[in-house]
Amino acid sequence: MAMTIAQIRTHLEELAQEHDEASRIGLSTDSAYIADLKEEIAIFRMALVTAAVTEIAVERGELFGRQVG
């Protein structure tokens, strides 16, 4: 099931909090953990951009019709 923009944004906020907490408690030296966390953040940032652009395109299509040519 696809996530909504709000769900993606919420998950990104949770990942940012996790990153901050990891740094606070000294896990920033665990390179594998930090790399995985940063990769997940990058994936969800891309998902947020993709979802937002798709939403804009759908709304534009509903307002102005399909672009041809």
PDB file of N, CA and C in Angstrom:
ATOM      1  N   MET A   1       0.839  -1.179   0.000  1.00  0.00           N
ATOM      2  CA  MET A   1       0.000   0.000   0.000  1.00  0.00           C
ATOM      3  C   MET A   1       0.888   1.248   0.000  1.00  0.00           C
ATOM      4  N   ALA A   2       0.538   2.190  -0.828  1.00  0.00           N
ATOM      5  CA  ALA A   2       1.312   3.421  -0.951  1.00  0.00           C
ATOM      6  C   ALA A   2       1.101   4.323   0.271  1.00  0.00           C
ATOM      7  N   MET A   3       2.142   5.049   0.611  1.00  0.00           N
ATOM      8  CA  MET A   3       2.069   5.987   1.726  1.00  0.00           C
ATOM      9  C   MET A   3       1.606   7.347   1.207  1.00  0.00           C
ATOM     10  N   THR A   4       0.891   8.071   2.043  1.00  0.00           N
ATOM     11  CA  THR A   4       0.500   9.423   1.691  1.00  0.00           C
ATOM     12  C   THR A   4       1.671  10.366   1.933  1.00  0.00           C
ATOM     13  N   ILE A   5       1.553  11.574   1.401  1.00  0.00           N
ATOM     14  CA  ILE A   5       2.595  12.570   1.622  1.00  0.00           C
ATOM     15  C   ILE A   5       2.764  12.825   3.115  1.00  0.00           C
ATOM     16  N   ALA A   6       1.667  12.904   3.833  1.00  0.00           N
ATOM     17  CA  ALA A   6       1.735  13.144   5.283  1.00  0.00           C
ATOM     18  C   ALA A   6       2.458  12.003   5.997  1.00  0.00           C
ATOM     19  N   GLN A   7       2.196  10.766   5.588  1.00  0.00           N
ATOM     20  CA  GLN A   7       2.858   9.618   6.209  1.00  0.00           C
ATOM     21  C   GLN A   7       4.361   9.621   5.903  1.00  0.00           C
ATOM     22  N   ILE A   8       4.708   9.969   4.672  1.00  0.00           N
ATOM     23  CA  ILE A   8       6.122  10.020   4.301  1.00  0.00           C
ATOM     24  C   ILE A   8       6.822  11.102   5.110  1.00  0.00           C
ATOM     25  N   ARG A   9       6.193  12.273   5.205  1.00  0.00           N
ATOM     26  CA  ARG A   9       6.784  13.377   5.958  1.00  0.00           C
ATOM     27  C   ARG A   9       6.964  13.000   7.428  1.00  0.00           C
ATOM     28  N   THR A  10       5.956  12.347   7.999  1.00  0.00           N
ATOM     29  CA  THR A  10       6.037  11.907   9.395  1.00  0.00           C
ATOM     30  C   THR A  10       7.188  10.930   9.578  1.00  0.00           C
ATOM     31  N   HIS A  11       7.340  10.000   8.647  1.00  0.00           N
ATOM     32  CA  HIS A  11       8.426   9.022   8.750  1.00  0.00           C
ATOM     33  C   HIS A  11       9.784   9.713   8.635  1.00  0.00           C
ATOM     34  N   LEU A  12       9.888  10.708   7.754  1.00  0.00           N
ATOM     35  CA  LEU A  12      11.139  11.461   7.642  1.00  0.00           C
ATOM     36  C   LEU A  12      11.463  12.182   8.944  1.00  0.00           C
ATOM     37  N   GLU A  13      10.456  12.732   9.584  1.00  0.00           N
ATOM     38  CA  GLU A  13      10.676  13.395  10.876  1.00  0.00           C
ATOM     39  C   GLU A  13      11.153  12.391  11.923  1.00  0.00           C
ATOM     40  N   GLU A  14      10.568  11.200  11.906  1.00  0.00           N
ATOM     41  CA  GLU A  14      10.987  10.150  12.842  1.00  0.00           C
ATOM     42  C   GLU A  14      12.430   9.728  12.574  1.00  0.00           C
ATOM     43  N   LEU A  15      12.794   9.625  11.301  1.00  0.00           N
ATOM     44  CA  LEU A  15      14.171   9.256  10.953  1.00  0.00           C
ATOM     45  C   LEU A  15      15.148  10.344  11.395  1.00  0.00           C
ATOM     46  N   ALA A  16      14.759  11.596  11.245  1.00  0.00           N
ATOM     47  CA  ALA A  16      15.612  12.703  11.694  1.00  0.00           C
ATOM     48  C   ALA A  16      15.796  12.646  13.211  1.00  0.00           C
ATOM     49  N   GLN A  17      14.725  12.347  13.924  1.00  0.00           N
ATOM     50  CA  GLN A  17      14.818  12.206  15.377  1.00  0.00           C
ATOM     51  C   GLN A  17      15.722  11.039  15.753  1.00  0.00           C
ATOM     52  N   GLU A  18      15.599   9.937  15.012  1.00  0.00           N
ATOM     53  CA  GLU A  18      16.447   8.777  15.266  1.00  0.00           C
ATOM     54  C   GLU A  18      17.915   9.135  15.039  1.00  0.00           C
ATOM     55  N   HIS A  19      18.178   9.878  13.975  1.00  0.00           N
ATOM     56  CA  HIS A  19      19.546  10.293  13.681  1.00  0.00           C
ATOM     57  C   HIS A  19      20.088  11.186  14.803  1.00  0.00           C
ATOM     58  N   ASP A  20      19.276  12.135  15.235  1.00  0.00           N
ATOM     59  CA  ASP A  20      19.688  13.023  16.328  1.00  0.00           C
ATOM     60  C   ASP A  20      19.960  12.229  17.606  1.00  0.00           C
ATOM     61  N   GLU A  21      19.078  11.294  17.913  1.00  0.00           N
ATOM     62  CA  GLU A  21      19.243  10.472  19.119  1.00  0.00           C
ATOM     63  C   GLU A  21      20.496   9.607  19.019  1.00  0.00           C
ATOM     64  N   ALA A  22      20.726   9.041  17.839  1.00  0.00           N
ATOM     65  CA  ALA A  22      21.918   8.212  17.645  1.00  0.00           C
ATOM     66  C   ALA A  22      23.181   9.027  17.881  1.00  0.00           C
ATOM     67  N   SER A  23      23.179  10.250  17.373  1.00  0.00           N
ATOM     68  CA  SER A  23      24.334  11.124  17.595  1.00  0.00           C
ATOM     69  C   SER A  23      24.490  11.460  19.070  1.00  0.00           C
ATOM     70  N   ARG A  24      23.367  11.704  19.724  1.00  0.00           N
ATOM     71  CA  ARG A  24      23.391  12.092  21.126  1.00  0.00           C
ATOM     72  C   ARG A  24      23.953  10.993  22.018  1.00  0.00           C
ATOM     73  N   ILE A  25      23.629   9.741  21.694  1.00  0.00           N
ATOM     74  CA  ILE A  25      24.070   8.640  22.560  1.00  0.00           C
ATOM     75  C   ILE A  25      25.353   7.969  22.071  1.00  0.00           C
ATOM     76  N   GLY A  26      25.959   8.531  21.034  1.00  0.00           N
ATOM     77  CA  GLY A  26      27.259   8.033  20.599  1.00  0.00           C
ATOM     78  C   GLY A  26      27.245   6.990  19.506  1.00  0.00           C
ATOM     79  N   LEU A  27      26.110   6.769  18.875  1.00  0.00           N
ATOM     80  CA  LEU A  27      26.061   5.777  17.796  1.00  0.00           C
ATOM     81  C   LEU A  27      26.558   6.329  16.467  1.00  0.00           C
ATOM     82  N   SER A  28      26.920   7.606  16.446  1.00  0.00           N
ATOM     83  CA  SER A  28      27.405   8.185  15.190  1.00  0.00           C
ATOM     84  C   SER A  28      28.712   7.538  14.737  1.00  0.00           C
ATOM     85  N   THR A  29      29.365   6.816  15.621  1.00  0.00           N
ATOM     86  CA  THR A  29      30.597   6.111  15.250  1.00  0.00           C
ATOM     87  C   THR A  29      30.321   4.744  14.624  1.00  0.00           C
ATOM     88  N   ASP A  30      29.071   4.293  14.684  1.00  0.00           N
ATOM     89  CA  ASP A  30      28.692   3.024  14.057  1.00  0.00           C
ATOM     90  C   ASP A  30      28.394   3.299  12.590  1.00  0.00           C
ATOM     91  N   SER A  31      29.427   3.179  11.762  1.00  0.00           N
ATOM     92  CA  SER A  31      29.315   3.597  10.365  1.00  0.00           C
ATOM     93  C   SER A  31      28.250   2.821   9.582  1.00  0.00           C
ATOM     94  N   ALA A  32      28.089   1.544   9.850  1.00  0.00           N
ATOM     95  CA  ALA A  32      27.080   0.757   9.128  1.00  0.00           C
ATOM     96  C   ALA A  32      25.671   1.227   9.479  1.00  0.00           C
ATOM     97  N   TYR A  33      25.432   1.462  10.754  1.00  0.00           N
ATOM     98  CA  TYR A  33      24.113   1.931  11.207  1.00  0.00           C
ATOM     99  C   TYR A  33      23.801   3.304  10.614  1.00  0.00           C
ATOM    100  N   ILE A  34      24.765   4.222  10.690  1.00  0.00           N
ATOM    101  CA  ILE A  34      24.560   5.574  10.176  1.00  0.00           C
ATOM    102  C   ILE A  34      24.371   5.547   8.661  1.00  0.00           C
ATOM    103  N   ALA A  35      25.113   4.710   7.964  1.00  0.00           N
ATOM    104  CA  ALA A  35      24.961   4.595   6.509  1.00  0.00           C
ATOM    105  C   ALA A  35      23.567   4.097   6.154  1.00  0.00           C
ATOM    106  N   ASP A  36      23.077   3.083   6.875  1.00  0.00           N
ATOM    107  CA  ASP A  36      21.730   2.570   6.630  1.00  0.00           C
ATOM    108  C   ASP A  36      20.682   3.644   6.909  1.00  0.00           C
ATOM    109  N   LEU A  37      20.862   4.372   7.987  1.00  0.00           N
ATOM    110  CA  LEU A  37      19.919   5.419   8.354  1.00  0.00           C
ATOM    111  C   LEU A  37      19.911   6.521   7.299  1.00  0.00           C
ATOM    112  N   LYS A  38      21.085   6.942   6.850  1.00  0.00           N
ATOM    113  CA  LYS A  38      21.169   7.977   5.822  1.00  0.00           C
ATOM    114  C   LYS A  38      20.571   7.507   4.499  1.00  0.00           C
ATOM    115  N   GLU A  39      20.759   6.231   4.180  1.00  0.00           N
ATOM    116  CA  GLU A  39      20.181   5.685   2.958  1.00  0.00           C
ATOM    117  C   GLU A  39      18.655   5.699   3.034  1.00  0.00           C
ATOM    118  N   GLU A  40      18.111   5.314   4.187  1.00  0.00           N
ATOM    119  CA  GLU A  40      16.656   5.326   4.349  1.00  0.00           C
ATOM    120  C   GLU A  40      16.117   6.753   4.264  1.00  0.00           C
ATOM    121  N   ILE A  41      16.836   7.700   4.845  1.00  0.00           N
ATOM    122  CA  ILE A  41      16.423   9.100   4.761  1.00  0.00           C
ATOM    123  C   ILE A  41      16.407   9.555   3.299  1.00  0.00           C
ATOM    124  N   ALA A  42      17.433   9.211   2.538  1.00  0.00           N
ATOM    125  CA  ALA A  42      17.501   9.589   1.123  1.00  0.00           C
ATOM    126  C   ALA A  42      16.350   8.971   0.333  1.00  0.00           C
ATOM    127  N   ILE A  43      16.051   7.716   0.609  1.00  0.00           N
ATOM    128  CA  ILE A  43      14.951   7.030  -0.085  1.00  0.00           C
ATOM    129  C   ILE A  43      13.622   7.721   0.203  1.00  0.00           C
ATOM    130  N   PHE A  44      13.396   8.068   1.461  1.00  0.00           N
ATOM    131  CA  PHE A  44      12.128   8.697   1.813  1.00  0.00           C
ATOM    132  C   PHE A  44      12.052  10.145   1.352  1.00  0.00           C
ATOM    133  N   ARG A  45      13.182  10.838   1.246  1.00  0.00           N
ATOM    134  CA  ARG A  45      13.171  12.182   0.657  1.00  0.00           C
ATOM    135  C   ARG A  45      12.754  12.103  -0.810  1.00  0.00           C
ATOM    136  N   MET A  46      13.311  11.128  -1.516  1.00  0.00           N
ATOM    137  CA  MET A  46      12.942  10.951  -2.917  1.00  0.00           C
ATOM    138  C   MET A  46      11.467  10.566  -3.042  1.00  0.00           C
ATOM    139  N   ALA A  47      10.994   9.724  -2.145  1.00  0.00           N
ATOM    140  CA  ALA A  47       9.578   9.341  -2.161  1.00  0.00           C
ATOM    141  C   ALA A  47       8.688  10.557  -1.928  1.00  0.00           C
ATOM    142  N   LEU A  48       9.111  11.456  -1.033  1.00  0.00           N
ATOM    143  CA  LEU A  48       8.333  12.660  -0.757  1.00  0.00           C
ATOM    144  C   LEU A  48       8.271  13.558  -1.990  1.00  0.00           C
ATOM    145  N   VAL A  49       9.404  13.757  -2.636  1.00  0.00           N
ATOM    146  CA  VAL A  49       9.435  14.582  -3.848  1.00  0.00           C
ATOM    147  C   VAL A  49       8.566  13.956  -4.933  1.00  0.00           C
ATOM    148  N   THR A  50       8.705  12.662  -5.127  1.00  0.00           N
ATOM    149  CA  THR A  50       7.929  11.955  -6.153  1.00  0.00           C
ATOM    150  C   THR A  50       6.434  12.065  -5.875  1.00  0.00           C
ATOM    151  N   ALA A  51       6.032  11.863  -4.639  1.00  0.00           N
ATOM    152  CA  ALA A  51       4.615  11.943  -4.280  1.00  0.00           C
ATOM    153  C   ALA A  51       4.079  13.357  -4.475  1.00  0.00           C
ATOM    154  N   ALA A  52       4.871  14.351  -4.112  1.00  0.00           N
ATOM    155  CA  ALA A  52       4.429  15.736  -4.263  1.00  0.00           C
ATOM    156  C   ALA A  52       4.278  16.109  -5.737  1.00  0.00           C
ATOM    157  N   VAL A  53       5.252  15.733  -6.558  1.00  0.00           N
ATOM    158  CA  VAL A  53       5.186  16.040  -7.987  1.00  0.00           C
ATOM    159  C   VAL A  53       3.994  15.315  -8.619  1.00  0.00           C
ATOM    160  N   THR A  54       3.771  14.081  -8.236  1.00  0.00           N
ATOM    161  CA  THR A  54       2.633  13.326  -8.762  1.00  0.00           C
ATOM    162  C   THR A  54       1.328  13.992  -8.369  1.00  0.00           C
ATOM    163  N   GLU A  55       1.220  14.417  -7.116  1.00  0.00           N
ATOM    164  CA  GLU A  55       0.000  15.080  -6.656  1.00  0.00           C
ATOM    165  C   GLU A  55      -0.248  16.372  -7.437  1.00  0.00           C
ATOM    166  N   ILE A  56       0.801  17.135  -7.667  1.00  0.00           N
ATOM    167  CA  ILE A  56       0.670  18.370  -8.439  1.00  0.00           C
ATOM    168  C   ILE A  56       0.223  18.062  -9.866  1.00  0.00           C
ATOM    169  N   ALA A  57       0.816  17.059 -10.481  1.00  0.00           N
ATOM    170  CA  ALA A  57       0.456  16.694 -11.852  1.00  0.00           C
ATOM    171  C   ALA A  57      -0.997  16.242 -11.954  1.00  0.00           C
ATOM    172  N   VAL A  58      -1.442  15.466 -10.984  1.00  0.00           N
ATOM    173  CA  VAL A  58      -2.831  14.996 -10.988  1.00  0.00           C
ATOM    174  C   VAL A  58      -3.784  16.178 -10.843  1.00  0.00           C
ATOM    175  N   GLU A  59      -3.493  17.049  -9.893  1.00  0.00           N
ATOM    176  CA  GLU A  59      -4.358  18.208  -9.687  1.00  0.00           C
ATOM    177  C   GLU A  59      -4.379  19.116 -10.914  1.00  0.00           C
ATOM    178  N   ARG A  60      -3.224  19.308 -11.524  1.00  0.00           N
ATOM    179  CA  ARG A  60      -3.156  20.125 -12.735  1.00  0.00           C
ATOM    180  C   ARG A  60      -3.977  19.486 -13.850  1.00  0.00           C
ATOM    181  N   GLY A  61      -3.877  18.169 -13.982  1.00  0.00           N
ATOM    182  CA  GLY A  61      -4.660  17.464 -14.983  1.00  0.00           C
ATOM    183  C   GLY A  61      -6.149  17.592 -14.746  1.00  0.00           C
ATOM    184  N   GLU A  62      -6.550  17.551 -13.485  1.00  0.00           N
ATOM    185  CA  GLU A  62      -7.975  17.703 -13.165  1.00  0.00           C
ATOM    186  C   GLU A  62      -8.470  19.121 -13.467  1.00  0.00           C
ATOM    187  N   LEU A  63      -7.605  20.107 -13.253  1.00  0.00           N
ATOM    188  CA  LEU A  63      -7.994  21.496 -13.485  1.00  0.00           C
ATOM    189  C   LEU A  63      -7.970  21.886 -14.954  1.00  0.00           C
ATOM    190  N   PHE A  64      -6.929  21.470 -15.672  1.00  0.00           N
ATOM    191  CA  PHE A  64      -6.709  21.966 -17.034  1.00  0.00           C
ATOM    192  C   PHE A  64      -6.802  20.899 -18.115  1.00  0.00           C
ATOM    193  N   GLY A  65      -7.017  19.658 -17.731  1.00  0.00           N
ATOM    194  CA  GLY A  65      -7.091  18.595 -18.708  1.00  0.00           C
ATOM    195  C   GLY A  65      -5.718  18.044 -19.051  1.00  0.00           C
ATOM    196  N   ARG A  66      -5.740  16.990 -19.810  1.00  0.00           N
ATOM    197  CA  ARG A  66      -4.507  16.304 -20.183  1.00  0.00           C
ATOM    198  C   ARG A  66      -3.696  17.156 -21.166  1.00  0.00           C
ATOM    199  N   GLN A  67      -2.388  17.219 -20.923  1.00  0.00           N
ATOM    200  CA  GLN A  67      -1.491  17.953 -21.823  1.00  0.00           C
ATOM    201  C   GLN A  67      -1.163  17.062 -23.026  1.00  0.00           C
ATOM    202  N   VAL A  68      -1.340  17.591 -24.203  1.00  0.00           N
ATOM    203  CA  VAL A  68      -1.105  16.839 -25.429  1.00  0.00           C
ATOM    204  C   VAL A  68      -0.059  17.564 -26.252  1.00  0.00           C
ATOM    205  N   GLY A  69       0.873  16.787 -26.807  1.00  0.00           N
ATOM    206  CA  GLY A  69       1.833  17.372 -27.739  1.00  0.00           C
ATOM    207  C   GLY A  69       3.127  17.563 -27.188  1.00  0.00           C
TER     208      GLY A  69
END
